[in-house]
């Protein structure tokens, strides 16, 4: 049985809220992947992801308000769809109920997200060293080195405890990106000689550009978005020097997410 190769999806956020959501999603996925594995390197990767999540949140004390505004905007847009004649109202109401629960969860978060981690002296000591090249060597921070020598069951429990303050945030991130990604159907496009350009409606608030290509395409998209125009250059991968635009015609799927 022939198995279709998994396509490669490139996503370009078009505002700061979606950019933060994608960064947090990436780090949460990294943490959830490594936490199940037993090596000390996996524990280090998990803790690094947790500390990076905390850094992003620290830089944006208004994160809860920003996400709340985004969710309310999505709820308002979805509620307006109820007037459409061909809308599946049962599915729409189910989605609106789910969205309302997520908004309530966001409002239920007390204080700053991850505040208890900021008060953990062990984590803050590790965080100070992580930014230094090889800063977490055993001679730099022996307490961290000792923690890494603990049985995997101990390390995993600690890591899960440190991830727990982000559990509600992950629910919020998941619904925001799910709604954004599913807000519009993809269209089949072609980049002639590696180049594609199309006009955009300046009255639409686009959230994200999604490009899906076959893994057999040995070129990656460089995306430029203005108020009136979308431009995509497909560049050949060159790990030895500067990437150049391919001269091949590249078929791809394009989604202009705008919910």
C-alpha atoms as a PDB file:
ATOM      1  CA  UNK A   1       0.000   0.000   0.000  1.00  0.00           C
ATOM      2  CA  UNK A   2       1.389   3.372  -1.048  1.00  0.00           C
ATOM      3  CA  UNK A   3       1.436   5.953   1.720  1.00  0.00           C
ATOM      4  CA  UNK A   4       1.158   9.591   0.729  1.00  0.00           C
ATOM      5  CA  UNK A   5       4.163  11.576   1.969  1.00  0.00           C
ATOM      6  CA  UNK A   6       3.366  14.125   4.646  1.00  0.00           C
ATOM      7  CA  UNK A   7       3.262  17.623   3.118  1.00  0.00           C
ATOM      8  CA  UNK A   8       5.365  20.456   4.517  1.00  0.00           C
ATOM      9  CA  UNK A   9       3.343  23.379   5.899  1.00  0.00           C
ATOM     10  CA  UNK A  10       4.868  26.830   6.300  1.00  0.00           C
ATOM     11  CA  UNK A  11       3.032  29.395   8.424  1.00  0.00           C
ATOM     12  CA  UNK A  12       3.596  33.137   8.439  1.00  0.00           C
ATOM     13  CA  UNK A  13       1.916  35.064  11.282  1.00  0.00           C
ATOM     14  CA  UNK A  14       0.651  38.501  10.334  1.00  0.00           C
ATOM     15  CA  UNK A  15       0.252  40.059  13.775  1.00  0.00           C
ATOM     16  CA  UNK A  16       1.914  39.874  17.170  1.00  0.00           C
ATOM     17  CA  UNK A  17      -0.836  37.810  18.831  1.00  0.00           C
ATOM     18  CA  UNK A  18      -0.615  34.969  16.311  1.00  0.00           C
ATOM     19  CA  UNK A  19       3.190  35.176  16.351  1.00  0.00           C
ATOM     20  CA  UNK A  20       3.208  34.650  20.136  1.00  0.00           C
ATOM     21  CA  UNK A  21       0.714  31.781  19.856  1.00  0.00           C
ATOM     22  CA  UNK A  22       2.882  29.999  17.284  1.00  0.00           C
ATOM     23  CA  UNK A  23       6.013  30.446  19.403  1.00  0.00           C
ATOM     24  CA  UNK A  24       4.261  29.139  22.506  1.00  0.00           C
ATOM     25  CA  UNK A  25       2.781  26.214  20.575  1.00  0.00           C
ATOM     26  CA  UNK A  26       6.253  25.302  19.315  1.00  0.00           C
ATOM     27  CA  UNK A  27       7.734  25.340  22.821  1.00  0.00           C
ATOM     28  CA  UNK A  28       4.826  23.418  24.355  1.00  0.00           C
ATOM     29  CA  UNK A  29       5.145  20.744  21.675  1.00  0.00           C
ATOM     30  CA  UNK A  30       8.868  20.541  22.345  1.00  0.00           C
ATOM     31  CA  UNK A  31       8.302  20.154  26.081  1.00  0.00           C
ATOM     32  CA  UNK A  32       5.557  17.543  25.658  1.00  0.00           C
ATOM     33  CA  UNK A  33       7.759  15.546  23.279  1.00  0.00           C
ATOM     34  CA  UNK A  34      10.893  15.421  25.422  1.00  0.00           C
ATOM     35  CA  UNK A  35       9.212  15.003  28.815  1.00  0.00           C
ATOM     36  CA  UNK A  36       8.253  11.389  28.021  1.00  0.00           C
ATOM     37  CA  UNK A  37      11.816  10.348  27.258  1.00  0.00           C
ATOM     38  CA  UNK A  38      14.284   9.179  29.858  1.00  0.00           C
ATOM     39  CA  UNK A  39      17.661  10.676  28.924  1.00  0.00           C
ATOM     40  CA  UNK A  40      19.091  13.646  30.784  1.00  0.00           C
ATOM     41  CA  UNK A  41      19.357  15.441  27.419  1.00  0.00           C
ATOM     42  CA  UNK A  42      15.590  15.147  27.037  1.00  0.00           C
ATOM     43  CA  UNK A  43      15.075  16.516  30.550  1.00  0.00           C
ATOM     44  CA  UNK A  44      17.353  19.435  29.683  1.00  0.00           C
ATOM     45  CA  UNK A  45      15.392  20.092  26.485  1.00  0.00           C
ATOM     46  CA  UNK A  46      12.105  20.005  28.400  1.00  0.00           C
ATOM     47  CA  UNK A  47      13.330  22.425  31.052  1.00  0.00           C
ATOM     48  CA  UNK A  48      14.787  24.753  28.417  1.00  0.00           C
ATOM     49  CA  UNK A  49      11.375  24.848  26.706  1.00  0.00           C
ATOM     50  CA  UNK A  50       9.650  25.633  30.018  1.00  0.00           C
ATOM     51  CA  UNK A  51      12.068  28.473  30.744  1.00  0.00           C
ATOM     52  CA  UNK A  52      11.644  29.847  27.210  1.00  0.00           C
ATOM     53  CA  UNK A  53       7.864  29.821  27.656  1.00  0.00           C
ATOM     54  CA  UNK A  54       8.341  31.745  30.876  1.00  0.00           C
ATOM     55  CA  UNK A  55      10.570  34.261  29.075  1.00  0.00           C
ATOM     56  CA  UNK A  56       7.923  34.916  26.428  1.00  0.00           C
ATOM     57  CA  UNK A  57       5.262  35.433  29.094  1.00  0.00           C
ATOM     58  CA  UNK A  58       7.565  37.695  31.121  1.00  0.00           C
ATOM     59  CA  UNK A  59       8.064  39.931  28.093  1.00  0.00           C
ATOM     60  CA  UNK A  60       4.303  40.325  27.660  1.00  0.00           C
ATOM     61  CA  UNK A  61       2.543  41.096  30.952  1.00  0.00           C
ATOM     62  CA  UNK A  62      -0.621  41.893  28.980  1.00  0.00           C
ATOM     63  CA  UNK A  63      -0.728  38.446  27.349  1.00  0.00           C
ATOM     64  CA  UNK A  64      -3.976  37.399  29.035  1.00  0.00           C
ATOM     65  CA  UNK A  65      -5.743  40.573  27.908  1.00  0.00           C
ATOM     66  CA  UNK A  66      -4.435  40.221  24.338  1.00  0.00           C
ATOM     67  CA  UNK A  67      -5.558  36.599  24.091  1.00  0.00           C
ATOM     68  CA  UNK A  68      -8.915  37.480  25.648  1.00  0.00           C
ATOM     69  CA  UNK A  69      -9.482  40.202  23.051  1.00  0.00           C
ATOM     70  CA  UNK A  70      -8.571  37.783  20.261  1.00  0.00           C
ATOM     71  CA  UNK A  71     -10.951  35.106  21.546  1.00  0.00           C
ATOM     72  CA  UNK A  72     -13.786  37.615  21.917  1.00  0.00           C
ATOM     73  CA  UNK A  73     -13.164  38.788  18.360  1.00  0.00           C
ATOM     74  CA  UNK A  74     -13.377  35.216  17.100  1.00  0.00           C
ATOM     75  CA  UNK A  75     -16.562  34.602  19.111  1.00  0.00           C
ATOM     76  CA  UNK A  76     -18.139  37.735  17.630  1.00  0.00           C
ATOM     77  CA  UNK A  77     -17.189  36.738  14.079  1.00  0.00           C
ATOM     78  CA  UNK A  78     -18.555  33.219  14.565  1.00  0.00           C
ATOM     79  CA  UNK A  79     -21.816  34.498  16.067  1.00  0.00           C
ATOM     80  CA  UNK A  80     -22.394  36.593  12.930  1.00  0.00           C
ATOM     81  CA  UNK A  81     -22.138  33.444  10.808  1.00  0.00           C
ATOM     82  CA  UNK A  82     -25.372  32.161  12.346  1.00  0.00           C
ATOM     83  CA  UNK A  83     -27.271  34.316   9.842  1.00  0.00           C
ATOM     84  CA  UNK A  84     -25.762  32.502   6.860  1.00  0.00           C
ATOM     85  CA  UNK A  85     -28.333  30.216   5.198  1.00  0.00           C
ATOM     86  CA  UNK A  86     -26.009  27.232   4.622  1.00  0.00           C
ATOM     87  CA  UNK A  87     -24.319  27.242   8.020  1.00  0.00           C
ATOM     88  CA  UNK A  88     -24.407  24.142  10.218  1.00  0.00           C
ATOM     89  CA  UNK A  89     -25.942  25.733  13.313  1.00  0.00           C
ATOM     90  CA  UNK A  90     -25.467  22.695  15.546  1.00  0.00           C
ATOM     91  CA  UNK A  91     -21.739  22.614  14.776  1.00  0.00           C
ATOM     92  CA  UNK A  92     -21.515  26.397  15.120  1.00  0.00           C
ATOM     93  CA  UNK A  93     -23.228  26.434  18.535  1.00  0.00           C
ATOM     94  CA  UNK A  94     -20.952  23.632  19.721  1.00  0.00           C
ATOM     95  CA  UNK A  95     -17.917  25.653  18.667  1.00  0.00           C
ATOM     96  CA  UNK A  96     -19.255  28.819  20.317  1.00  0.00           C
ATOM     97  CA  UNK A  97     -19.870  26.896  23.553  1.00  0.00           C
ATOM     98  CA  UNK A  98     -16.320  25.565  23.449  1.00  0.00           C
ATOM     99  CA  UNK A  99     -15.005  29.062  22.826  1.00  0.00           C
ATOM    100  CA  UNK A 100     -16.996  30.463  25.754  1.00  0.00           C
ATOM    101  CA  UNK A 101     -15.523  27.803  28.067  1.00  0.00           C
ATOM    102  CA  UNK A 102     -12.000  28.668  26.904  1.00  0.00           C
ATOM    103  CA  UNK A 103     -12.656  32.380  27.531  1.00  0.00           C
ATOM    104  CA  UNK A 104     -13.901  31.521  31.028  1.00  0.00           C
ATOM    105  CA  UNK A 105     -10.754  29.454  31.613  1.00  0.00           C
ATOM    106  CA  UNK A 106      -8.591  32.385  30.562  1.00  0.00           C
ATOM    107  CA  UNK A 107     -10.445  34.717  32.929  1.00  0.00           C
ATOM    108  CA  UNK A 108     -10.052  32.196  35.754  1.00  0.00           C
ATOM    109  CA  UNK A 109      -6.247  32.388  35.656  1.00  0.00           C
ATOM    110  CA  UNK A 110      -5.220  34.295  38.759  1.00  0.00           C
ATOM    111  CA  UNK A 111      -2.310  36.727  38.615  1.00  0.00           C
ATOM    112  CA  UNK A 112       0.463  36.405  36.069  1.00  0.00           C
ATOM    113  CA  UNK A 113       0.787  33.074  34.285  1.00  0.00           C
ATOM    114  CA  UNK A 114       3.640  31.040  35.766  1.00  0.00           C
ATOM    115  CA  UNK A 115       4.173  33.314  38.768  1.00  0.00           C
ATOM    116  CA  UNK A 116       4.961  30.344  41.018  1.00  0.00           C
ATOM    117  CA  UNK A 117       7.821  29.381  38.693  1.00  0.00           C
ATOM    118  CA  UNK A 118       9.324  32.861  38.980  1.00  0.00           C
ATOM    119  CA  UNK A 119       9.460  32.338  42.739  1.00  0.00           C
ATOM    120  CA  UNK A 120      11.330  29.039  42.402  1.00  0.00           C
ATOM    121  CA  UNK A 121      14.982  29.782  43.212  1.00  0.00           C
ATOM    122  CA  UNK A 122      16.244  26.582  41.576  1.00  0.00           C
ATOM    123  CA  UNK A 123      14.551  27.405  38.249  1.00  0.00           C
ATOM    124  CA  UNK A 124      15.673  31.014  38.333  1.00  0.00           C
ATOM    125  CA  UNK A 125      19.263  29.916  38.950  1.00  0.00           C
ATOM    126  CA  UNK A 126      19.088  27.636  35.910  1.00  0.00           C
ATOM    127  CA  UNK A 127      17.470  30.371  33.841  1.00  0.00           C
ATOM    128  CA  UNK A 128      20.354  32.748  34.552  1.00  0.00           C
ATOM    129  CA  UNK A 129      22.872  30.207  33.232  1.00  0.00           C
ATOM    130  CA  UNK A 130      20.922  28.970  30.188  1.00  0.00           C
ATOM    131  CA  UNK A 131      21.656  32.136  28.197  1.00  0.00           C
ATOM    132  CA  UNK A 132      25.419  31.603  28.618  1.00  0.00           C
ATOM    133  CA  UNK A 133      27.097  29.219  26.118  1.00  0.00           C
ATOM    134  CA  UNK A 134      27.487  25.930  28.016  1.00  0.00           C
ATOM    135  CA  UNK A 135      26.310  27.822  31.086  1.00  0.00           C
ATOM    136  CA  UNK A 136      24.619  24.730  32.514  1.00  0.00           C
ATOM    137  CA  UNK A 137      27.870  22.735  32.739  1.00  0.00           C
ATOM    138  CA  UNK A 138      28.276  20.888  36.026  1.00  0.00           C
ATOM    139  CA  UNK A 139      30.903  23.315  37.355  1.00  0.00           C
ATOM    140  CA  UNK A 140      28.675  26.328  36.656  1.00  0.00           C
ATOM    141  CA  UNK A 141      25.556  25.074  38.396  1.00  0.00           C
ATOM    142  CA  UNK A 142      26.132  21.871  40.408  1.00  0.00           C
ATOM    143  CA  UNK A 143      22.582  21.854  41.796  1.00  0.00           C
ATOM    144  CA  UNK A 144      21.241  21.470  38.249  1.00  0.00           C
ATOM    145  CA  UNK A 145      23.802  18.750  37.535  1.00  0.00           C
ATOM    146  CA  UNK A 146      22.695  16.864  40.639  1.00  0.00           C
ATOM    147  CA  UNK A 147      19.034  17.178  39.615  1.00  0.00           C
ATOM    148  CA  UNK A 148      19.884  15.664  36.223  1.00  0.00           C
ATOM    149  CA  UNK A 149      21.334  12.610  38.015  1.00  0.00           C
ATOM    150  CA  UNK A 150      18.000  11.863  39.697  1.00  0.00           C
ATOM    151  CA  UNK A 151      15.920   8.915  38.399  1.00  0.00           C
ATOM    152  CA  UNK A 152      13.793   9.692  35.355  1.00  0.00           C
ATOM    153  CA  UNK A 153      10.603   9.261  37.389  1.00  0.00           C
ATOM    154  CA  UNK A 154      11.700  12.042  39.724  1.00  0.00           C
ATOM    155  CA  UNK A 155      12.737  14.377  36.901  1.00  0.00           C
ATOM    156  CA  UNK A 156       9.543  13.707  34.970  1.00  0.00           C
ATOM    157  CA  UNK A 157       7.350  14.491  37.979  1.00  0.00           C
ATOM    158  CA  UNK A 158       9.228  17.748  38.583  1.00  0.00           C
ATOM    159  CA  UNK A 159       8.936  18.722  34.927  1.00  0.00           C
ATOM    160  CA  UNK A 160       5.215  17.955  34.831  1.00  0.00           C
ATOM    161  CA  UNK A 161       4.714  20.062  37.955  1.00  0.00           C
ATOM    162  CA  UNK A 162       6.571  22.946  36.266  1.00  0.00           C
ATOM    163  CA  UNK A 163       4.517  22.539  33.077  1.00  0.00           C
ATOM    164  CA  UNK A 164       1.214  22.518  34.944  1.00  0.00           C
ATOM    165  CA  UNK A 165       0.912  26.350  35.231  1.00  0.00           C
ATOM    166  CA  UNK A 166       0.793  26.451  31.421  1.00  0.00           C
ATOM    167  CA  UNK A 167      -1.983  23.840  31.030  1.00  0.00           C
ATOM    168  CA  UNK A 168      -4.763  26.417  30.762  1.00  0.00           C
ATOM    169  CA  UNK A 169      -2.647  28.586  28.484  1.00  0.00           C
ATOM    170  CA  UNK A 170      -2.172  25.607  26.179  1.00  0.00           C
ATOM    171  CA  UNK A 171      -5.949  25.177  25.875  1.00  0.00           C
ATOM    172  CA  UNK A 172      -6.225  28.825  24.850  1.00  0.00           C
ATOM    173  CA  UNK A 173      -3.361  28.568  22.340  1.00  0.00           C
ATOM    174  CA  UNK A 174      -4.836  25.392  20.834  1.00  0.00           C
ATOM    175  CA  UNK A 175      -8.281  26.907  20.195  1.00  0.00           C
ATOM    176  CA  UNK A 176      -6.869  30.185  18.828  1.00  0.00           C
ATOM    177  CA  UNK A 177      -4.676  28.394  16.298  1.00  0.00           C
ATOM    178  CA  UNK A 178      -7.336  25.804  15.463  1.00  0.00           C
ATOM    179  CA  UNK A 179      -9.837  28.544  14.602  1.00  0.00           C
ATOM    180  CA  UNK A 180      -7.225  30.519  12.676  1.00  0.00           C
ATOM    181  CA  UNK A 181      -6.018  27.563  10.619  1.00  0.00           C
ATOM    182  CA  UNK A 182      -9.509  26.346   9.768  1.00  0.00           C
ATOM    183  CA  UNK A 183     -10.929  29.763   8.921  1.00  0.00           C
ATOM    184  CA  UNK A 184     -10.638  29.328   5.154  1.00  0.00           C
ATOM    185  CA  UNK A 185     -10.163  26.571   2.578  1.00  0.00           C
ATOM    186  CA  UNK A 186      -6.875  26.319   0.736  1.00  0.00           C
ATOM    187  CA  UNK A 187      -6.600  27.073  -2.968  1.00  0.00           C
ATOM    188  CA  UNK A 188      -4.320  25.378  -5.496  1.00  0.00           C
ATOM    189  CA  UNK A 189      -1.703  27.810  -6.798  1.00  0.00           C
ATOM    190  CA  UNK A 190       1.438  27.753  -8.923  1.00  0.00           C
ATOM    191  CA  UNK A 191       4.636  29.728  -8.448  1.00  0.00           C
ATOM    192  CA  UNK A 192       5.990  30.287 -11.955  1.00  0.00           C
ATOM    193  CA  UNK A 193       9.793  30.054 -11.895  1.00  0.00           C
ATOM    194  CA  UNK A 194       9.540  30.141  -8.118  1.00  0.00           C
ATOM    195  CA  UNK A 195       7.563  33.385  -7.997  1.00  0.00           C
ATOM    196  CA  UNK A 196       3.959  34.047  -6.966  1.00  0.00           C
ATOM    197  CA  UNK A 197       2.057  37.266  -6.357  1.00  0.00           C
ATOM    198  CA  UNK A 198      -1.581  38.084  -5.649  1.00  0.00           C
ATOM    199  CA  UNK A 199      -3.681  41.008  -4.495  1.00  0.00           C
ATOM    200  CA  UNK A 200      -5.116  41.227  -0.990  1.00  0.00           C
ATOM    201  CA  UNK A 201      -8.308  42.891   0.178  1.00  0.00           C
ATOM    202  CA  UNK A 202      -7.166  45.811   2.408  1.00  0.00           C
ATOM    203  CA  UNK A 203     -10.475  45.624   4.301  1.00  0.00           C
ATOM    204  CA  UNK A 204      -9.768  42.108   5.564  1.00  0.00           C
ATOM    205  CA  UNK A 205      -7.698  41.574   8.700  1.00  0.00           C
ATOM    206  CA  UNK A 206      -5.571  38.576   7.739  1.00  0.00           C
ATOM    207  CA  UNK A 207      -4.144  36.596  10.630  1.00  0.00           C
ATOM    208  CA  UNK A 208      -1.848  34.066   9.004  1.00  0.00           C
ATOM    209  CA  UNK A 209      -0.540  32.816   5.660  1.00  0.00           C
ATOM    210  CA  UNK A 210      -0.334  29.021   5.279  1.00  0.00           C
ATOM    211  CA  UNK A 211       1.552  27.372   2.452  1.00  0.00           C
ATOM    212  CA  UNK A 212       1.472  23.609   1.898  1.00  0.00           C
ATOM    213  CA  UNK A 213       3.961  21.957  -0.457  1.00  0.00           C
ATOM    214  CA  UNK A 214       5.035  18.433  -1.287  1.00  0.00           C
ATOM    215  CA  UNK A 215       8.120  17.224   0.636  1.00  0.00           C
ATOM    216  CA  UNK A 216       9.625  16.521  -2.786  1.00  0.00           C
ATOM    217  CA  UNK A 217       9.862  20.272  -3.417  1.00  0.00           C
ATOM    218  CA  UNK A 218      13.430  21.258  -2.617  1.00  0.00           C
ATOM    219  CA  UNK A 219      12.630  24.918  -2.083  1.00  0.00           C
ATOM    220  CA  UNK A 220      11.184  26.952   0.772  1.00  0.00           C
ATOM    221  CA  UNK A 221       8.915  30.027   0.596  1.00  0.00           C
ATOM    222  CA  UNK A 222      10.032  33.523   1.510  1.00  0.00           C
ATOM    223  CA  UNK A 223       6.805  35.407   2.214  1.00  0.00           C
ATOM    224  CA  UNK A 224       6.246  39.149   2.001  1.00  0.00           C
ATOM    225  CA  UNK A 225       2.861  40.621   2.920  1.00  0.00           C
ATOM    226  CA  UNK A 226       1.776  44.217   2.428  1.00  0.00           C
ATOM    227  CA  UNK A 227      -1.587  45.855   2.839  1.00  0.00           C
ATOM    228  CA  UNK A 228      -2.539  45.229  -0.794  1.00  0.00           C
ATOM    229  CA  UNK A 229      -0.271  42.428  -1.988  1.00  0.00           C
ATOM    230  CA  UNK A 230       1.130  39.009  -1.138  1.00  0.00           C
ATOM    231  CA  UNK A 231       4.469  38.017  -2.674  1.00  0.00           C
ATOM    232  CA  UNK A 232       6.126  34.606  -2.387  1.00  0.00           C
ATOM    233  CA  UNK A 233       9.600  33.644  -3.599  1.00  0.00           C
ATOM    234  CA  UNK A 234      10.537  29.961  -3.460  1.00  0.00           C
ATOM    235  CA  UNK A 235      14.242  29.668  -2.702  1.00  0.00           C
ATOM    236  CA  UNK A 236      16.468  26.636  -3.165  1.00  0.00           C
ATOM    237  CA  UNK A 237      17.975  25.241   0.001  1.00  0.00           C
ATOM    238  CA  UNK A 238      21.690  25.979   0.162  1.00  0.00           C
ATOM    239  CA  UNK A 239      23.419  25.171   3.446  1.00  0.00           C
ATOM    240  CA  UNK A 240      26.780  26.349   2.085  1.00  0.00           C
ATOM    241  CA  UNK A 241      25.811  29.866   1.064  1.00  0.00           C
ATOM    242  CA  UNK A 242      23.094  32.280   0.031  1.00  0.00           C
ATOM    243  CA  UNK A 243      19.772  30.827  -1.075  1.00  0.00           C
ATOM    244  CA  UNK A 244      18.649  31.712  -4.596  1.00  0.00           C
ATOM    245  CA  UNK A 245      15.214  31.672  -6.195  1.00  0.00           C
ATOM    246  CA  UNK A 246      14.388  28.416  -7.946  1.00  0.00           C
ATOM    247  CA  UNK A 247      13.562  28.453 -11.647  1.00  0.00           C
ATOM    248  CA  UNK A 248      11.179  25.525 -11.270  1.00  0.00           C
ATOM    249  CA  UNK A 249       7.400  25.876 -11.289  1.00  0.00           C
ATOM    250  CA  UNK A 250       6.235  25.103  -7.745  1.00  0.00           C
ATOM    251  CA  UNK A 251       2.663  23.887  -7.113  1.00  0.00           C
ATOM    252  CA  UNK A 252       1.389  24.688  -3.625  1.00  0.00           C
ATOM    253  CA  UNK A 253      -1.732  25.177  -1.539  1.00  0.00           C
ATOM    254  CA  UNK A 254      -2.377  28.639  -0.164  1.00  0.00           C
ATOM    255  CA  UNK A 255      -4.619  29.674   2.741  1.00  0.00           C
ATOM    256  CA  UNK A 256      -5.188  33.303   3.741  1.00  0.00           C
ATOM    257  CA  UNK A 257      -6.528  32.853   7.262  1.00  0.00           C
ATOM    258  CA  UNK A 258      -8.693  35.797   8.225  1.00  0.00           C
ATOM    259  CA  UNK A 259     -11.160  34.811  10.964  1.00  0.00           C
END
